[in-house]
Amino acid sequence: MLTTEGNTMTLKYFVGRCIFCGMCADTCPEKAIRITKEFELATGNIFDLYTDIEHEIKACSMCGKTFISKKLSNKIALKVPDMPQETMDLCPDCRRKETLKRFMGVPE
């Protein structure tokens, strides 16, 4: 389950539903998931099977809507170094509007 509170996005991962098929590791674009033969699901407390993964998120500089994790934003900035920072700080909706304004020649 994915939740957002303030400037933090939290993924609550429940390993109790995992069947260890490896599909998540195969499809993860960041290769952040690895399947190993080292796991233990025996527990007396079901809450031991939950893991919270937290990421700080950025808000759009124009509308204030949160839209991307800071970690992902930094990764994109490294892969696309010539993208202006003011563009990187806009959510997809505002980026679309600003691009259209520039294309149409609308004054600021």
N, C-alpha and C. Protein backbone atom coordinates (compact mmCIF):
# COMPACT_ATOMS: atom_id res chain seq x y z
N MET A 1 0.84 -1.16 0.00
CA MET A 1 0.00 0.00 0.00
C MET A 1 0.90 1.24 0.00
N LEU A 2 0.54 2.22 -0.81
CA LEU A 2 1.31 3.45 -0.93
C LEU A 2 0.51 4.60 -0.32
N THR A 3 1.12 5.31 0.63
CA THR A 3 0.45 6.45 1.26
C THR A 3 1.36 7.66 1.21
N THR A 4 0.75 8.83 1.23
CA THR A 4 1.50 10.08 1.25
C THR A 4 1.02 10.91 2.43
N GLU A 5 1.97 11.37 3.23
CA GLU A 5 1.65 12.22 4.36
C GLU A 5 2.71 13.31 4.43
N GLY A 6 2.26 14.56 4.29
CA GLY A 6 3.22 15.67 4.28
C GLY A 6 4.14 15.53 3.08
N ASN A 7 5.44 15.57 3.32
CA ASN A 7 6.38 15.42 2.21
C ASN A 7 7.07 14.04 2.23
N THR A 8 6.35 13.04 2.76
CA THR A 8 6.87 11.67 2.80
C THR A 8 5.90 10.71 2.14
N MET A 9 6.44 9.88 1.27
CA MET A 9 5.68 8.81 0.63
C MET A 9 6.14 7.50 1.27
N THR A 10 5.17 6.69 1.71
CA THR A 10 5.50 5.44 2.40
C THR A 10 4.89 4.26 1.66
N LEU A 11 5.73 3.29 1.34
CA LEU A 11 5.27 2.03 0.77
C LEU A 11 5.27 1.01 1.90
N LYS A 12 4.11 0.47 2.20
CA LYS A 12 3.99 -0.56 3.22
C LYS A 12 4.02 -1.91 2.49
N TYR A 13 5.13 -2.60 2.63
CA TYR A 13 5.34 -3.87 1.93
C TYR A 13 5.04 -5.01 2.89
N PHE A 14 4.19 -5.94 2.47
CA PHE A 14 3.81 -7.09 3.29
C PHE A 14 4.35 -8.35 2.63
N VAL A 15 5.41 -8.91 3.19
CA VAL A 15 6.07 -10.07 2.60
C VAL A 15 5.24 -11.34 2.77
N GLY A 16 4.22 -11.31 3.63
CA GLY A 16 3.39 -12.48 3.85
C GLY A 16 2.59 -12.91 2.63
N ARG A 17 2.40 -12.03 1.67
CA ARG A 17 1.67 -12.38 0.44
C ARG A 17 2.60 -12.81 -0.69
N CYS A 18 3.89 -12.69 -0.47
CA CYS A 18 4.87 -13.02 -1.51
C CYS A 18 4.93 -14.54 -1.72
N ILE A 19 4.95 -14.96 -2.99
CA ILE A 19 5.09 -16.38 -3.30
C ILE A 19 6.50 -16.68 -3.85
N PHE A 20 7.37 -15.67 -3.78
CA PHE A 20 8.78 -15.80 -4.16
C PHE A 20 8.95 -16.26 -5.61
N CYS A 21 8.11 -15.71 -6.48
CA CYS A 21 8.19 -16.06 -7.90
C CYS A 21 9.30 -15.29 -8.62
N GLY A 22 9.68 -14.13 -8.09
CA GLY A 22 10.74 -13.34 -8.70
C GLY A 22 10.29 -12.35 -9.76
N MET A 23 8.99 -12.29 -10.05
CA MET A 23 8.51 -11.37 -11.10
C MET A 23 8.82 -9.91 -10.75
N CYS A 24 8.73 -9.54 -9.48
CA CYS A 24 9.01 -8.15 -9.09
C CYS A 24 10.47 -7.80 -9.39
N ALA A 25 11.38 -8.73 -9.10
CA ALA A 25 12.80 -8.48 -9.37
C ALA A 25 13.07 -8.40 -10.88
N ASP A 26 12.38 -9.22 -11.65
CA ASP A 26 12.57 -9.20 -13.10
C ASP A 26 12.09 -7.91 -13.73
N THR A 27 11.03 -7.32 -13.20
CA THR A 27 10.44 -6.14 -13.83
C THR A 27 10.87 -4.82 -13.19
N CYS A 28 11.56 -4.85 -12.07
CA CYS A 28 11.98 -3.61 -11.41
C CYS A 28 12.98 -2.86 -12.29
N PRO A 29 12.64 -1.65 -12.76
CA PRO A 29 13.54 -0.92 -13.66
C PRO A 29 14.83 -0.48 -12.98
N GLU A 30 14.83 -0.36 -11.67
CA GLU A 30 16.02 0.09 -10.94
C GLU A 30 16.86 -1.08 -10.42
N LYS A 31 16.37 -2.29 -10.60
CA LYS A 31 17.04 -3.49 -10.07
C LYS A 31 17.26 -3.38 -8.57
N ALA A 32 16.28 -2.78 -7.89
CA ALA A 32 16.35 -2.58 -6.45
C ALA A 32 15.86 -3.79 -5.67
N ILE A 33 15.26 -4.75 -6.37
CA ILE A 33 14.71 -5.94 -5.71
C ILE A 33 15.53 -7.14 -6.13
N ARG A 34 15.96 -7.91 -5.15
CA ARG A 34 16.70 -9.13 -5.43
C ARG A 34 16.01 -10.29 -4.74
N ILE A 35 15.95 -11.40 -5.41
CA ILE A 35 15.39 -12.62 -4.80
C ILE A 35 16.58 -13.49 -4.40
N THR A 36 16.58 -13.91 -3.13
CA THR A 36 17.64 -14.79 -2.65
C THR A 36 16.99 -16.03 -2.04
N LYS A 37 17.80 -16.96 -1.64
CA LYS A 37 17.30 -18.15 -0.97
C LYS A 37 17.30 -17.95 0.55
N GLU A 38 17.62 -16.74 0.99
CA GLU A 38 17.66 -16.44 2.41
C GLU A 38 16.41 -15.66 2.81
N PHE A 39 15.44 -16.36 3.37
CA PHE A 39 14.23 -15.71 3.87
C PHE A 39 13.67 -16.55 5.00
N GLU A 40 12.94 -15.90 5.86
CA GLU A 40 12.31 -16.59 6.97
C GLU A 40 10.98 -15.90 7.25
N LEU A 41 9.89 -16.66 7.12
CA LEU A 41 8.57 -16.11 7.35
C LEU A 41 7.96 -16.58 8.67
N ALA A 42 8.66 -17.44 9.38
CA ALA A 42 8.12 -17.93 10.66
C ALA A 42 8.18 -16.82 11.69
N THR A 43 7.03 -16.47 12.23
CA THR A 43 6.97 -15.43 13.26
C THR A 43 5.71 -15.61 14.07
N GLY A 44 5.77 -15.17 15.29
CA GLY A 44 4.59 -15.20 16.14
C GLY A 44 3.78 -13.92 16.04
N ASN A 45 4.32 -12.93 15.32
CA ASN A 45 3.67 -11.63 15.21
C ASN A 45 3.58 -11.26 13.72
N ILE A 46 2.38 -11.19 13.19
CA ILE A 46 2.19 -10.91 11.76
C ILE A 46 2.80 -9.56 11.36
N PHE A 47 2.88 -8.63 12.29
CA PHE A 47 3.44 -7.30 11.96
C PHE A 47 4.93 -7.37 11.64
N ASP A 48 5.60 -8.47 12.01
CA ASP A 48 7.00 -8.66 11.63
C ASP A 48 7.16 -8.82 10.12
N LEU A 49 6.07 -9.13 9.43
CA LEU A 49 6.13 -9.35 7.99
C LEU A 49 5.90 -8.06 7.18
N TYR A 50 5.74 -6.94 7.87
CA TYR A 50 5.58 -5.64 7.21
C TYR A 50 6.89 -4.88 7.21
N THR A 51 7.16 -4.19 6.13
CA THR A 51 8.31 -3.30 6.03
C THR A 51 7.82 -1.97 5.47
N ASP A 52 8.20 -0.88 6.11
CA ASP A 52 7.87 0.45 5.60
C ASP A 52 9.08 1.02 4.87
N ILE A 53 8.86 1.46 3.64
CA ILE A 53 9.90 2.08 2.84
C ILE A 53 9.47 3.53 2.61
N GLU A 54 10.27 4.47 3.09
CA GLU A 54 9.89 5.88 3.02
C GLU A 54 10.79 6.65 2.07
N HIS A 55 10.16 7.57 1.33
CA HIS A 55 10.89 8.46 0.43
C HIS A 55 10.37 9.88 0.64
N GLU A 56 11.28 10.83 0.63
CA GLU A 56 10.89 12.23 0.69
C GLU A 56 10.43 12.63 -0.71
N ILE A 57 9.34 13.39 -0.79
CA ILE A 57 8.80 13.76 -2.09
C ILE A 57 8.86 15.26 -2.30
N LYS A 58 8.91 15.64 -3.59
CA LYS A 58 8.97 17.04 -3.98
C LYS A 58 7.59 17.53 -4.35
N ALA A 59 7.38 18.82 -4.12
CA ALA A 59 6.13 19.47 -4.52
C ALA A 59 6.40 20.33 -5.75
N CYS A 60 5.41 20.45 -6.59
CA CYS A 60 5.50 21.28 -7.79
C CYS A 60 5.73 22.73 -7.37
N SER A 61 6.67 23.40 -8.03
CA SER A 61 6.97 24.79 -7.68
C SER A 61 5.87 25.75 -8.11
N MET A 62 4.95 25.28 -8.96
CA MET A 62 3.88 26.15 -9.43
C MET A 62 2.57 25.90 -8.65
N CYS A 63 2.10 24.66 -8.59
CA CYS A 63 0.79 24.38 -7.98
C CYS A 63 0.90 23.79 -6.57
N GLY A 64 2.08 23.30 -6.19
CA GLY A 64 2.26 22.75 -4.85
C GLY A 64 1.92 21.28 -4.70
N LYS A 65 1.43 20.65 -5.77
CA LYS A 65 1.06 19.22 -5.70
C LYS A 65 2.33 18.37 -5.62
N THR A 66 2.34 17.37 -4.73
CA THR A 66 3.48 16.46 -4.67
C THR A 66 3.38 15.49 -5.84
N PHE A 67 4.55 15.18 -6.44
CA PHE A 67 4.48 14.38 -7.66
C PHE A 67 5.65 13.44 -7.90
N ILE A 68 6.75 13.57 -7.19
CA ILE A 68 7.91 12.72 -7.47
C ILE A 68 8.78 12.62 -6.22
N SER A 69 9.45 11.50 -6.04
CA SER A 69 10.37 11.38 -4.91
C SER A 69 11.63 12.17 -5.25
N LYS A 70 12.27 12.70 -4.22
CA LYS A 70 13.51 13.45 -4.44
C LYS A 70 14.58 12.55 -5.02
N LYS A 71 14.59 11.30 -4.59
CA LYS A 71 15.59 10.35 -5.08
C LYS A 71 15.43 10.14 -6.58
N LEU A 72 14.19 9.96 -7.05
CA LEU A 72 13.95 9.77 -8.48
C LEU A 72 14.26 11.05 -9.26
N SER A 73 13.91 12.19 -8.69
CA SER A 73 14.20 13.48 -9.34
C SER A 73 15.70 13.66 -9.53
N ASN A 74 16.48 13.33 -8.51
CA ASN A 74 17.94 13.44 -8.62
C ASN A 74 18.49 12.47 -9.67
N LYS A 75 17.92 11.29 -9.74
CA LYS A 75 18.38 10.31 -10.74
C LYS A 75 18.09 10.81 -12.16
N ILE A 76 16.91 11.39 -12.37
CA ILE A 76 16.56 11.93 -13.68
C ILE A 76 17.50 13.07 -14.03
N ALA A 77 17.80 13.93 -13.05
CA ALA A 77 18.70 15.06 -13.30
C ALA A 77 20.09 14.59 -13.74
N LEU A 78 20.54 13.47 -13.20
CA LEU A 78 21.83 12.92 -13.63
C LEU A 78 21.78 12.35 -15.04
N LYS A 79 20.65 11.72 -15.39
CA LYS A 79 20.51 11.11 -16.71
C LYS A 79 20.21 12.14 -17.80
N VAL A 80 19.58 13.26 -17.43
CA VAL A 80 19.23 14.31 -18.40
C VAL A 80 19.81 15.62 -17.88
N PRO A 81 21.14 15.79 -17.95
CA PRO A 81 21.79 16.94 -17.32
C PRO A 81 21.42 18.30 -17.93
N ASP A 82 20.96 18.33 -19.17
CA ASP A 82 20.66 19.63 -19.78
C ASP A 82 19.21 20.06 -19.59
N MET A 83 18.43 19.34 -18.78
CA MET A 83 17.06 19.76 -18.49
C MET A 83 17.10 20.88 -17.46
N PRO A 84 16.46 22.02 -17.74
CA PRO A 84 16.48 23.14 -16.80
C PRO A 84 15.83 22.76 -15.46
N GLN A 85 16.40 23.26 -14.36
CA GLN A 85 15.89 22.94 -13.03
C GLN A 85 14.44 23.40 -12.85
N GLU A 86 14.08 24.56 -13.45
CA GLU A 86 12.71 25.04 -13.30
C GLU A 86 11.71 24.08 -13.96
N THR A 87 12.14 23.36 -14.99
CA THR A 87 11.29 22.35 -15.61
C THR A 87 11.20 21.12 -14.73
N MET A 88 12.30 20.74 -14.13
CA MET A 88 12.33 19.57 -13.24
C MET A 88 11.44 19.77 -12.02
N ASP A 89 11.23 21.01 -11.61
CA ASP A 89 10.47 21.29 -10.41
C ASP A 89 8.97 21.41 -10.66
N LEU A 90 8.53 21.15 -11.90
CA LEU A 90 7.10 21.23 -12.23
C LEU A 90 6.49 19.84 -12.34
N CYS A 91 5.26 19.69 -11.84
CA CYS A 91 4.52 18.43 -11.99
C CYS A 91 4.16 18.27 -13.48
N PRO A 92 3.79 17.08 -13.91
CA PRO A 92 3.46 16.88 -15.33
C PRO A 92 2.38 17.82 -15.86
N ASP A 93 1.35 18.13 -15.06
CA ASP A 93 0.29 19.03 -15.51
C ASP A 93 0.82 20.43 -15.75
N CYS A 94 1.56 20.96 -14.79
CA CYS A 94 2.10 22.32 -14.93
C CYS A 94 3.17 22.38 -16.02
N ARG A 95 3.96 21.31 -16.15
CA ARG A 95 4.98 21.26 -17.20
C ARG A 95 4.31 21.32 -18.57
N ARG A 96 3.20 20.62 -18.72
CA ARG A 96 2.46 20.64 -19.99
C ARG A 96 1.94 22.04 -20.29
N LYS A 97 1.37 22.69 -19.28
CA LYS A 97 0.84 24.05 -19.45
C LYS A 97 1.94 25.04 -19.81
N GLU A 98 3.07 24.96 -19.11
CA GLU A 98 4.18 25.88 -19.37
C GLU A 98 4.78 25.65 -20.76
N THR A 99 4.87 24.40 -21.17
CA THR A 99 5.38 24.10 -22.51
C THR A 99 4.46 24.67 -23.57
N LEU A 100 3.17 24.53 -23.37
CA LEU A 100 2.20 25.08 -24.32
C LEU A 100 2.29 26.60 -24.37
N LYS A 101 2.45 27.25 -23.22
CA LYS A 101 2.59 28.71 -23.19
C LYS A 101 3.81 29.15 -24.00
N ARG A 102 4.94 28.44 -23.79
CA ARG A 102 6.17 28.80 -24.53
C ARG A 102 5.98 28.57 -26.02
N PHE A 103 5.33 27.47 -26.37
CA PHE A 103 5.08 27.13 -27.77
C PHE A 103 4.20 28.16 -28.45
N MET A 104 3.17 28.62 -27.72
CA MET A 104 2.22 29.59 -28.26
C MET A 104 2.74 31.02 -28.18
N GLY A 105 3.84 31.22 -27.47
CA GLY A 105 4.43 32.56 -27.35
C GLY A 105 3.67 33.46 -26.40
N VAL A 106 3.01 32.87 -25.40
CA VAL A 106 2.26 33.65 -24.41
C VAL A 106 3.26 34.31 -23.48
N PRO A 107 3.17 35.65 -23.29
CA PRO A 107 4.11 36.32 -22.39
C PRO A 107 3.89 35.89 -20.94
N GLU A 108 4.97 35.95 -20.18
CA GLU A 108 4.92 35.56 -18.76
C GLU A 108 4.06 36.51 -17.96
